[in-house]
Amino acid sequence: MKDILTNYDFIAAIIQTLFFIILGFILRCTNVFDDKFSKVISKLVLTLCIPCLAFTSFMTDLELESFRNNVYLFLICFLLYII
């Protein structure tokens, strides 16, 4: 668990995600993006980006340590999602 929370790549991914969420929120509040753009980008992410990310995440060798880390990561993300 300590290895996951101190992993630079994990922290960088969280920071990047938060940055893009905040950026999108600011651009939406300032009316740079309208409702139509929001629907288009959501459809693009759901139909193209997420399946591509899921596919590439499965293209790694399966090792016990990486599997264990991924299970811990899944549990952390699931708990954060519930909170």
C-alpha atoms as a PDB file:
ATOM      1  CA  MET A   1       0.000   0.000   0.000  1.00  0.00           C
ATOM      2  CA  LYS A   2       2.862   2.355   0.854  1.00  0.00           C
ATOM      3  CA  ASP A   3       4.505   1.620  -2.507  1.00  0.00           C
ATOM      4  CA  ILE A   4       1.351   2.640  -4.361  1.00  0.00           C
ATOM      5  CA  LEU A   5       0.779   5.879  -2.472  1.00  0.00           C
ATOM      6  CA  THR A   6       4.422   6.924  -2.839  1.00  0.00           C
ATOM      7  CA  ASN A   7       4.668   5.931  -6.502  1.00  0.00           C
ATOM      8  CA  TYR A   8       5.492   8.994  -8.606  1.00  0.00           C
ATOM      9  CA  ASP A   9       3.493   7.756 -11.603  1.00  0.00           C
ATOM     10  CA  PHE A  10       0.395   7.236  -9.465  1.00  0.00           C
ATOM     11  CA  ILE A  11       0.635  10.703  -7.936  1.00  0.00           C
ATOM     12  CA  ALA A  12       1.298  12.265 -11.351  1.00  0.00           C
ATOM     13  CA  ALA A  13      -1.783  10.559 -12.815  1.00  0.00           C
ATOM     14  CA  ILE A  14      -3.961  11.834  -9.976  1.00  0.00           C
ATOM     15  CA  ILE A  15      -2.618  15.377 -10.363  1.00  0.00           C
ATOM     16  CA  GLN A  16      -3.125  15.320 -14.134  1.00  0.00           C
ATOM     17  CA  THR A  17      -6.683  14.095 -13.734  1.00  0.00           C
ATOM     18  CA  LEU A  18      -7.499  16.777 -11.185  1.00  0.00           C
ATOM     19  CA  PHE A  19      -5.925  19.422 -13.416  1.00  0.00           C
ATOM     20  CA  PHE A  20      -8.086  18.452 -16.391  1.00  0.00           C
ATOM     21  CA  ILE A  21     -11.226  18.307 -14.250  1.00  0.00           C
ATOM     22  CA  ILE A  22     -10.564  21.778 -12.856  1.00  0.00           C
ATOM     23  CA  LEU A  23      -9.668  23.126 -16.296  1.00  0.00           C
ATOM     24  CA  GLY A  24     -12.892  21.752 -17.771  1.00  0.00           C
ATOM     25  CA  PHE A  25     -14.902  23.183 -14.891  1.00  0.00           C
ATOM     26  CA  ILE A  26     -13.368  26.639 -15.344  1.00  0.00           C
ATOM     27  CA  LEU A  27     -13.846  26.591 -19.132  1.00  0.00           C
ATOM     28  CA  ARG A  28     -17.466  25.504 -18.715  1.00  0.00           C
ATOM     29  CA  CYS A  29     -18.216  28.160 -16.075  1.00  0.00           C
ATOM     30  CA  THR A  30     -16.726  30.896 -18.253  1.00  0.00           C
ATOM     31  CA  ASN A  31     -18.868  29.699 -21.201  1.00  0.00           C
ATOM     32  CA  VAL A  32     -15.886  28.920 -23.390  1.00  0.00           C
ATOM     33  CA  PHE A  33     -17.554  25.539 -23.993  1.00  0.00           C
ATOM     34  CA  ASP A  34     -21.304  25.345 -24.452  1.00  0.00           C
ATOM     35  CA  ASP A  35     -23.699  22.456 -23.718  1.00  0.00           C
ATOM     36  CA  LYS A  36     -23.326  21.052 -27.231  1.00  0.00           C
ATOM     37  CA  PHE A  37     -19.535  20.819 -26.915  1.00  0.00           C
ATOM     38  CA  SER A  38     -19.900  19.082 -23.571  1.00  0.00           C
ATOM     39  CA  LYS A  39     -22.085  16.367 -25.086  1.00  0.00           C
ATOM     40  CA  VAL A  40     -19.693  15.839 -27.992  1.00  0.00           C
ATOM     41  CA  ILE A  41     -16.613  15.542 -25.809  1.00  0.00           C
ATOM     42  CA  SER A  42     -18.404  13.188 -23.401  1.00  0.00           C
ATOM     43  CA  LYS A  43     -19.428  10.921 -26.264  1.00  0.00           C
ATOM     44  CA  LEU A  44     -15.890  10.971 -27.649  1.00  0.00           C
ATOM     45  CA  VAL A  45     -14.382  10.013 -24.289  1.00  0.00           C
ATOM     46  CA  LEU A  46     -16.909   7.250 -23.633  1.00  0.00           C
ATOM     47  CA  THR A  47     -16.797   5.670 -27.085  1.00  0.00           C
ATOM     48  CA  LEU A  48     -13.140   6.099 -28.012  1.00  0.00           C
ATOM     49  CA  CYS A  49     -10.787   7.064 -25.199  1.00  0.00           C
ATOM     50  CA  ILE A  50     -11.937   4.739 -22.407  1.00  0.00           C
ATOM     51  CA  PRO A  51     -11.947   1.585 -24.577  1.00  0.00           C
ATOM     52  CA  CYS A  52      -8.473   2.472 -25.883  1.00  0.00           C
ATOM     53  CA  LEU A  53      -7.151   3.002 -22.366  1.00  0.00           C
ATOM     54  CA  ALA A  54      -8.683  -0.264 -21.202  1.00  0.00           C
ATOM     55  CA  PHE A  55      -7.165  -2.134 -24.143  1.00  0.00           C
ATOM     56  CA  THR A  56      -3.671  -0.727 -23.611  1.00  0.00           C
ATOM     57  CA  SER A  57      -3.800  -1.411 -19.882  1.00  0.00           C
ATOM     58  CA  PHE A  58      -4.256  -5.117 -20.599  1.00  0.00           C
ATOM     59  CA  MET A  59      -1.246  -5.230 -22.922  1.00  0.00           C
ATOM     60  CA  THR A  60       1.276  -5.910 -20.145  1.00  0.00           C
ATOM     61  CA  ASP A  61       2.876  -9.040 -18.765  1.00  0.00           C
ATOM     62  CA  LEU A  62       1.069 -10.417 -15.744  1.00  0.00           C
ATOM     63  CA  GLU A  63       3.246 -10.633 -12.655  1.00  0.00           C
ATOM     64  CA  LEU A  64       2.119 -11.325  -9.111  1.00  0.00           C
ATOM     65  CA  GLU A  65       3.499  -8.058  -7.727  1.00  0.00           C
ATOM     66  CA  SER A  66       1.912  -5.897 -10.425  1.00  0.00           C
ATOM     67  CA  PHE A  67      -1.366  -7.791  -9.998  1.00  0.00           C
ATOM     68  CA  ARG A  68      -1.290  -7.153  -6.253  1.00  0.00           C
ATOM     69  CA  ASN A  69      -0.583  -3.447  -6.828  1.00  0.00           C
ATOM     70  CA  ASN A  70      -3.417  -3.213  -9.326  1.00  0.00           C
ATOM     71  CA  VAL A  71      -5.847  -4.803  -6.878  1.00  0.00           C
ATOM     72  CA  TYR A  72      -4.810  -2.314  -4.177  1.00  0.00           C
ATOM     73  CA  LEU A  73      -5.155   0.530  -6.668  1.00  0.00           C
ATOM     74  CA  PHE A  74      -8.612  -0.671  -7.692  1.00  0.00           C
ATOM     75  CA  LEU A  75      -9.722  -0.819  -4.071  1.00  0.00           C
ATOM     76  CA  ILE A  76      -8.401   2.685  -3.360  1.00  0.00           C
ATOM     77  CA  CYS A  77     -10.148   4.091  -6.436  1.00  0.00           C
ATOM     78  CA  PHE A  78     -13.362   2.281  -5.571  1.00  0.00           C
ATOM     79  CA  LEU A  79     -13.319   3.686  -2.041  1.00  0.00           C
ATOM     80  CA  LEU A  80     -12.612   7.190  -3.332  1.00  0.00           C
ATOM     81  CA  TYR A  81     -15.455   6.851  -5.804  1.00  0.00           C
ATOM     82  CA  ILE A  82     -17.848   5.858  -3.034  1.00  0.00           C
ATOM     83  CA  ILE A  83     -16.691   8.750  -0.822  1.00  0.00           C
END
